[in-house]
Amino acid sequence: MSFKDKHLLGIEAIRPEAILEILDLAEEYVQLNRSQDKRAQSLTGLTQINMFFENSTRTQASFELAGKRLGANVMNLSMEASSLKKGETLIDTALTLNAMQPDLLVVRHPQSGAVDLLSQKVNCSVLNAGDGRHEHPTQALLDALTIRRAKGRLHRLNIAICGDIAHSRVARSNIILLGKMENRVRLVGPPTLMPSEINELGVEVYQDMRQGLKDVDVVMMLRLQKERMDGGFIPSEREYYYRYGLNKEKLSLAKEDAIVMHPGPMNRGVEIDGELADDINRSVIQEQVEMGVAVRMAAMHLLARNYNLEDNG
């Protein structure tokens, strides 16, 4: 038993052996999800509340499906239509929900650190489904599972993360996880889309995509987060695609068996060529979606186990 935390707020605090425990359990759930009877019992009788303060289709659907397959009672709160519009603070919302005795809160919020704050005010387990530019732990875990299944290992790989790194919590969580697992991580993108703390991340930085992709095992593309940009980060989408969009010609510089990833939703023809995204021999984008459900089932299963142990201990 390596993962002993009550909350899953970020990858930063998780030890490598705990990451592997989550991934190994997720492997079991991949098999369950491919069988005819997809039900498990690990959250039976528990209440899971999904609180999304930012729009999300894929992540929310994935968490909802994961909870229902584990037997939880799942409630979705669209926080944009809630009391926050009437002036209620995040803390008041947390206290109100806490009074309803939930067992698991899944929270996405546009402000970095908001999920951590919320976790300090409630009695139940809290799972971070993305907070501002800070972290998105389950995305990094599902990416890790996808890489491990495609490559047979999760260490000593060359991995290029390309595009809008400055605004990306997915990139941050992946850099931390892949670093813990002893991989070489390269960041590829224009200087305007690189984070200010880049020297502290233990990565190699490339502004030329062709150089950055040379001999890599994994190419991880990121979405251009226009909603987080204020000002001229890129000259135009056309120019961006020419320099930093992934196509077959640029991918040919990577290893022959390199895989292509994208957390979604994709801007086809901006970050990635549409044909390449659909190429079943290179792209693992659909596998990432499938792994997402399994990883979230594993994470919630382990949080529920730890919460019960704490209660009974």
Protein backbone atom coordinates (compact mmCIF):
# COMPACT_ATOMS: atom_id res chain seq x y z
CA MET A 1 0.00 0.00 0.00
CA SER A 2 2.00 2.95 -1.30
CA PHE A 3 -0.69 5.57 -1.97
CA LYS A 4 -1.91 6.63 1.49
CA ASP A 5 -3.24 10.14 0.85
CA LYS A 6 -6.72 11.32 1.75
CA HIS A 7 -6.81 13.71 -1.24
CA LEU A 8 -5.43 13.72 -4.77
CA LEU A 9 -4.55 17.38 -5.32
CA GLY A 10 -1.47 17.11 -7.53
CA ILE A 11 1.34 14.84 -8.73
CA GLU A 12 3.97 16.84 -6.85
CA ALA A 13 3.21 15.21 -3.49
CA ILE A 14 2.95 11.61 -4.77
CA ARG A 15 5.90 9.22 -4.55
CA PRO A 16 6.86 7.12 -7.61
CA GLU A 17 5.73 3.84 -5.97
CA ALA A 18 2.32 5.39 -5.21
CA ILE A 19 2.01 6.45 -8.87
CA LEU A 20 2.69 2.84 -9.87
CA GLU A 21 0.06 1.56 -7.42
CA ILE A 22 -2.56 3.78 -9.08
CA LEU A 23 -1.48 2.69 -12.58
CA ASP A 24 -1.45 -1.03 -11.68
CA LEU A 25 -4.98 -0.84 -10.28
CA ALA A 26 -6.06 1.14 -13.35
CA GLU A 27 -4.83 -1.76 -15.53
CA GLU A 28 -7.35 -4.01 -13.77
CA TYR A 29 -10.10 -1.48 -14.44
CA VAL A 30 -9.16 -1.34 -18.14
CA GLN A 31 -10.03 -5.05 -18.31
CA LEU A 32 -13.27 -4.53 -16.38
CA ASN A 33 -14.30 -1.68 -18.70
CA ARG A 34 -13.76 -3.91 -21.74
CA SER A 35 -15.96 -6.68 -20.34
CA GLN A 36 -19.73 -6.91 -20.67
CA ASP A 37 -20.48 -6.32 -16.99
CA LYS A 38 -18.65 -3.11 -16.14
CA ARG A 39 -19.77 -2.87 -12.50
CA ALA A 40 -17.51 -2.91 -9.45
CA GLN A 41 -18.36 -2.44 -5.79
CA SER A 42 -15.59 -0.27 -4.35
CA LEU A 43 -17.70 2.91 -4.02
CA THR A 44 -21.06 1.24 -3.29
CA GLY A 45 -23.13 3.40 -0.97
CA LEU A 46 -20.78 6.39 -1.25
CA THR A 47 -21.71 9.82 -2.59
CA GLN A 48 -19.54 11.52 -5.21
CA ILE A 49 -20.17 15.17 -6.07
CA ASN A 50 -18.60 16.62 -9.24
CA MET A 51 -18.16 20.39 -8.88
CA PHE A 52 -17.01 22.00 -12.11
CA PHE A 53 -16.46 25.75 -11.90
CA GLU A 54 -15.12 25.60 -15.49
CA ASN A 55 -16.82 24.05 -18.49
CA SER A 56 -15.73 20.50 -19.18
CA THR A 57 -17.34 17.80 -21.26
CA ARG A 58 -14.71 15.08 -21.41
CA THR A 59 -13.30 15.17 -17.88
CA GLN A 60 -16.71 15.49 -16.24
CA ALA A 61 -18.15 12.63 -18.32
CA SER A 62 -15.11 10.50 -17.48
CA PHE A 63 -15.42 11.09 -13.71
CA GLU A 64 -19.17 10.51 -13.80
CA LEU A 65 -18.79 7.22 -15.66
CA ALA A 66 -15.94 6.15 -13.34
CA GLY A 67 -18.02 6.81 -10.22
CA LYS A 68 -21.11 5.04 -11.55
CA ARG A 69 -19.14 1.98 -12.61
CA LEU A 70 -17.76 1.76 -9.06
CA GLY A 71 -21.27 1.90 -7.61
CA ALA A 72 -21.26 5.48 -6.25
CA ASN A 73 -24.22 7.83 -6.14
CA VAL A 74 -22.98 10.58 -8.47
CA MET A 75 -24.22 14.15 -8.48
CA ASN A 76 -23.06 16.76 -11.00
CA LEU A 77 -23.10 20.40 -9.96
CA SER A 78 -22.76 22.96 -12.70
CA MET A 79 -21.33 25.71 -10.55
CA GLU A 80 -21.90 28.40 -13.15
CA ALA A 81 -25.61 28.13 -12.54
CA SER A 82 -25.22 27.96 -8.76
CA SER A 83 -25.12 30.25 -5.75
CA LEU A 84 -21.75 31.61 -6.84
CA LYS A 85 -23.70 33.81 -9.21
CA LYS A 86 -25.55 35.09 -6.16
CA GLY A 87 -22.30 36.05 -4.43
CA GLU A 88 -21.57 32.95 -2.35
CA THR A 89 -17.86 32.38 -1.74
CA LEU A 90 -15.99 29.16 -2.48
CA ILE A 91 -15.64 28.50 1.27
CA ASP A 92 -19.40 28.89 1.88
CA THR A 93 -20.12 26.54 -1.01
CA ALA A 94 -17.69 24.01 0.47
CA LEU A 95 -19.26 24.23 3.93
CA THR A 96 -22.76 23.83 2.50
CA LEU A 97 -21.74 20.74 0.55
CA ASN A 98 -19.83 19.36 3.53
CA ALA A 99 -23.04 19.50 5.57
CA MET A 100 -24.59 17.10 3.01
CA GLN A 101 -22.01 14.44 4.04
CA PRO A 102 -20.47 13.56 0.67
CA ASP A 103 -17.63 11.01 0.56
CA LEU A 104 -15.78 12.34 -2.48
CA LEU A 105 -15.63 15.78 -4.10
CA VAL A 106 -14.26 16.08 -7.64
CA VAL A 107 -13.42 19.73 -8.28
CA ARG A 108 -12.30 21.76 -11.29
CA HIS A 109 -11.68 25.47 -10.76
CA PRO A 110 -10.17 28.32 -12.84
CA GLN A 111 -8.01 29.56 -9.94
CA SER A 112 -4.74 27.80 -9.05
CA GLY A 113 -4.82 26.59 -5.45
CA ALA A 114 -8.63 26.77 -5.07
CA VAL A 115 -9.01 22.97 -4.86
CA ASP A 116 -6.34 22.76 -2.15
CA LEU A 117 -8.13 25.46 -0.15
CA LEU A 118 -11.42 23.62 -0.51
CA SER A 119 -9.86 20.36 0.70
CA GLN A 120 -8.94 22.05 3.99
CA LYS A 121 -12.58 22.97 4.68
CA VAL A 122 -14.34 19.64 4.11
CA ASN A 123 -14.28 16.25 5.84
CA CYS A 124 -14.34 14.11 2.71
CA SER A 125 -11.73 13.21 0.07
CA VAL A 126 -11.09 15.81 -2.63
CA LEU A 127 -9.84 15.02 -6.11
CA ASN A 128 -8.41 17.81 -8.26
CA ALA A 129 -9.88 17.71 -11.78
CA GLY A 130 -7.77 20.74 -12.81
CA ASP A 131 -7.08 24.03 -11.03
CA GLY A 132 -6.06 27.07 -13.09
CA ARG A 133 -2.56 26.68 -14.47
CA HIS A 134 -1.46 24.57 -11.50
CA GLU A 135 -2.12 20.83 -11.91
CA HIS A 136 -4.35 18.21 -13.53
CA PRO A 137 -3.18 15.01 -11.81
CA THR A 138 -5.55 12.45 -13.36
CA GLN A 139 -4.60 13.64 -16.87
CA ALA A 140 -0.91 13.01 -16.13
CA LEU A 141 -1.77 9.58 -14.69
CA LEU A 142 -3.85 8.57 -17.72
CA ASP A 143 -1.07 9.81 -20.02
CA ALA A 144 1.44 7.74 -18.03
CA LEU A 145 -0.76 4.64 -18.32
CA THR A 146 -1.16 5.21 -22.08
CA ILE A 147 2.62 5.56 -22.51
CA ARG A 148 3.36 2.48 -20.40
CA ARG A 149 0.90 0.34 -22.38
CA ALA A 150 2.24 1.55 -25.74
CA LYS A 151 5.95 1.42 -24.86
CA GLY A 152 6.06 -1.37 -22.28
CA ARG A 153 7.76 0.91 -19.75
CA LEU A 154 7.51 4.31 -18.13
CA HIS A 155 11.17 5.16 -17.56
CA ARG A 156 14.15 6.28 -19.65
CA LEU A 157 12.03 7.49 -22.55
CA ASN A 158 12.56 10.71 -24.52
CA ILE A 159 9.33 12.68 -24.40
CA ALA A 160 8.60 15.96 -26.19
CA ILE A 161 5.78 18.15 -24.83
CA CYS A 162 4.89 20.68 -27.52
CA GLY A 163 2.89 23.87 -27.75
CA ASP A 164 1.23 26.11 -25.18
CA ILE A 165 3.18 25.08 -22.09
CA ALA A 166 2.82 28.37 -20.18
CA HIS A 167 -0.96 28.06 -19.75
CA SER A 168 -1.09 24.27 -19.38
CA ARG A 169 -1.74 22.46 -16.10
CA VAL A 170 -1.55 19.23 -18.13
CA ALA A 171 2.05 20.03 -19.10
CA ARG A 172 2.97 20.89 -15.51
CA SER A 173 1.56 17.64 -14.07
CA ASN A 174 3.17 15.61 -16.86
CA ILE A 175 6.58 17.25 -16.40
CA ILE A 176 6.47 16.38 -12.70
CA LEU A 177 5.28 12.78 -13.20
CA LEU A 178 7.61 11.97 -16.10
CA GLY A 179 10.53 13.49 -14.18
CA LYS A 180 9.79 11.34 -11.12
CA MET A 181 9.85 8.28 -13.39
CA GLU A 182 13.32 9.18 -14.78
CA ASN A 183 12.42 10.22 -18.31
CA ARG A 184 14.07 12.92 -20.41
CA VAL A 185 11.52 15.63 -21.03
CA ARG A 186 11.82 18.24 -23.77
CA LEU A 187 9.59 21.29 -24.03
CA VAL A 188 9.01 22.56 -27.55
CA GLY A 189 7.30 25.86 -28.32
CA PRO A 190 7.69 29.59 -28.90
CA PRO A 191 9.28 31.63 -26.07
CA THR A 192 5.96 33.46 -25.53
CA LEU A 193 4.34 30.14 -24.55
CA MET A 194 7.04 28.94 -22.15
CA PRO A 195 6.49 29.29 -18.38
CA SER A 196 8.61 31.76 -16.42
CA GLU A 197 9.92 29.07 -14.01
CA ILE A 198 11.29 26.95 -16.87
CA ASN A 199 14.81 26.69 -15.43
CA GLU A 200 13.49 25.00 -12.29
CA LEU A 201 11.67 22.20 -14.13
CA GLY A 202 14.66 20.01 -15.07
CA VAL A 203 13.77 19.89 -18.77
CA GLU A 204 15.42 20.66 -22.12
CA VAL A 205 13.91 23.56 -24.06
CA TYR A 206 13.63 23.83 -27.85
CA GLN A 207 12.18 26.62 -29.96
CA ASP A 208 12.75 24.73 -33.21
CA MET A 209 10.24 21.89 -33.39
CA ARG A 210 12.27 19.82 -35.83
CA GLN A 211 15.24 19.78 -33.46
CA GLY A 212 12.97 19.13 -30.48
CA LEU A 213 11.36 16.05 -32.03
CA LYS A 214 14.62 14.39 -33.10
CA ASP A 215 14.68 10.77 -31.86
CA VAL A 216 11.88 11.11 -29.29
CA ASP A 217 9.70 8.15 -28.23
CA VAL A 218 6.59 10.18 -27.38
CA VAL A 219 5.19 13.38 -28.89
CA MET A 220 2.68 15.03 -26.59
CA MET A 221 0.81 17.92 -28.20
CA LEU A 222 -1.06 20.52 -26.14
CA ARG A 223 -4.13 22.61 -26.86
CA LEU A 224 -3.68 26.32 -27.52
CA GLN A 225 -5.51 27.76 -24.51
CA LYS A 226 -6.93 30.87 -26.05
CA GLU A 227 -9.29 31.41 -23.10
CA ARG A 228 -6.27 31.92 -20.79
CA MET A 229 -4.43 34.27 -23.15
CA ASP A 230 -4.67 38.01 -22.94
CA GLY A 231 -2.57 39.56 -25.66
CA GLY A 232 -0.52 38.48 -28.66
CA PHE A 233 1.07 35.15 -27.73
CA ILE A 234 1.12 33.91 -31.34
CA PRO A 235 1.16 35.86 -34.63
CA SER A 236 -1.67 33.81 -36.19
CA GLU A 237 -3.01 30.24 -36.10
CA ARG A 238 -1.70 29.67 -39.60
CA GLU A 239 1.81 30.76 -38.64
CA TYR A 240 1.58 28.67 -35.44
CA TYR A 241 0.65 25.53 -37.41
CA TYR A 242 3.51 26.13 -39.84
CA ARG A 243 6.07 26.32 -37.01
CA TYR A 244 4.59 24.22 -34.20
CA GLY A 245 1.73 22.17 -35.63
CA LEU A 246 2.44 18.43 -35.82
CA ASN A 247 2.35 16.87 -39.28
CA LYS A 248 3.85 13.74 -40.84
CA GLU A 249 6.95 15.56 -42.03
CA LYS A 250 7.86 16.83 -38.54
CA LEU A 251 6.92 13.51 -36.95
CA SER A 252 9.31 11.68 -39.31
CA LEU A 253 12.21 13.16 -37.26
CA ALA A 254 11.05 11.27 -34.15
CA LYS A 255 11.70 7.55 -33.68
CA GLU A 256 9.94 5.26 -36.14
CA ASP A 257 7.64 3.89 -33.45
CA ALA A 258 7.01 7.24 -31.71
CA ILE A 259 3.45 7.71 -30.46
CA VAL A 260 1.36 10.88 -30.75
CA MET A 261 -0.72 12.15 -27.81
CA HIS A 262 -3.12 15.03 -27.20
CA PRO A 263 -5.19 15.71 -24.05
CA GLY A 264 -8.11 17.08 -26.10
CA PRO A 265 -10.11 18.86 -27.22
CA MET A 266 -8.01 19.26 -30.37
CA ASN A 267 -7.81 22.21 -32.72
CA ARG A 268 -7.26 20.28 -35.94
CA GLY A 269 -5.09 22.13 -38.41
CA VAL A 270 -3.68 24.32 -35.62
CA GLU A 271 -1.86 22.01 -33.18
CA ILE A 272 -2.03 18.81 -35.18
CA ASP A 273 -2.84 17.59 -38.67
CA GLY A 274 -6.28 15.94 -38.68
CA GLU A 275 -5.14 12.87 -40.62
CA LEU A 276 -2.27 12.27 -38.21
CA ALA A 277 -4.59 12.57 -35.20
CA ASP A 278 -6.72 9.76 -36.68
CA ASP A 279 -3.81 7.53 -37.74
CA ILE A 280 -4.32 4.39 -35.63
CA ASN A 281 -0.68 3.35 -36.15
CA ARG A 282 0.75 6.49 -34.55
CA SER A 283 -1.95 8.25 -32.55
CA VAL A 284 -3.02 7.02 -29.10
CA ILE A 285 -5.50 9.86 -28.54
CA GLN A 286 -8.53 7.54 -28.31
CA GLU A 287 -6.64 5.25 -25.92
CA GLN A 288 -6.02 8.27 -23.68
CA VAL A 289 -9.78 8.78 -23.37
CA GLU A 290 -10.28 5.09 -22.51
CA MET A 291 -7.44 5.13 -19.96
CA GLY A 292 -8.98 8.24 -18.39
CA VAL A 293 -11.99 6.31 -17.10
CA ALA A 294 -9.82 3.48 -15.73
CA VAL A 295 -7.34 5.83 -14.00
CA ARG A 296 -10.16 7.83 -12.38
CA MET A 297 -11.78 4.61 -11.17
CA ALA A 298 -8.44 3.55 -9.64
CA ALA A 299 -7.82 6.95 -8.01
CA MET A 300 -11.32 7.11 -6.47
CA HIS A 301 -11.11 3.47 -5.32
CA LEU A 302 -7.82 4.18 -3.49
CA LEU A 303 -9.05 7.46 -1.99
CA ALA A 304 -12.16 5.68 -0.66
CA ARG A 305 -9.96 2.93 0.80
CA ASN A 306 -7.66 5.46 2.50
CA TYR A 307 -10.63 7.47 3.79
CA ASN A 308 -12.17 4.34 5.32
CA LEU A 309 -8.89 3.33 6.93
CA GLU A 310 -8.56 6.80 8.44
CA ASP A 311 -12.15 6.67 9.71
CA ASN A 312 -11.77 3.21 11.20
CA GLY A 313 -8.25 3.78 12.46
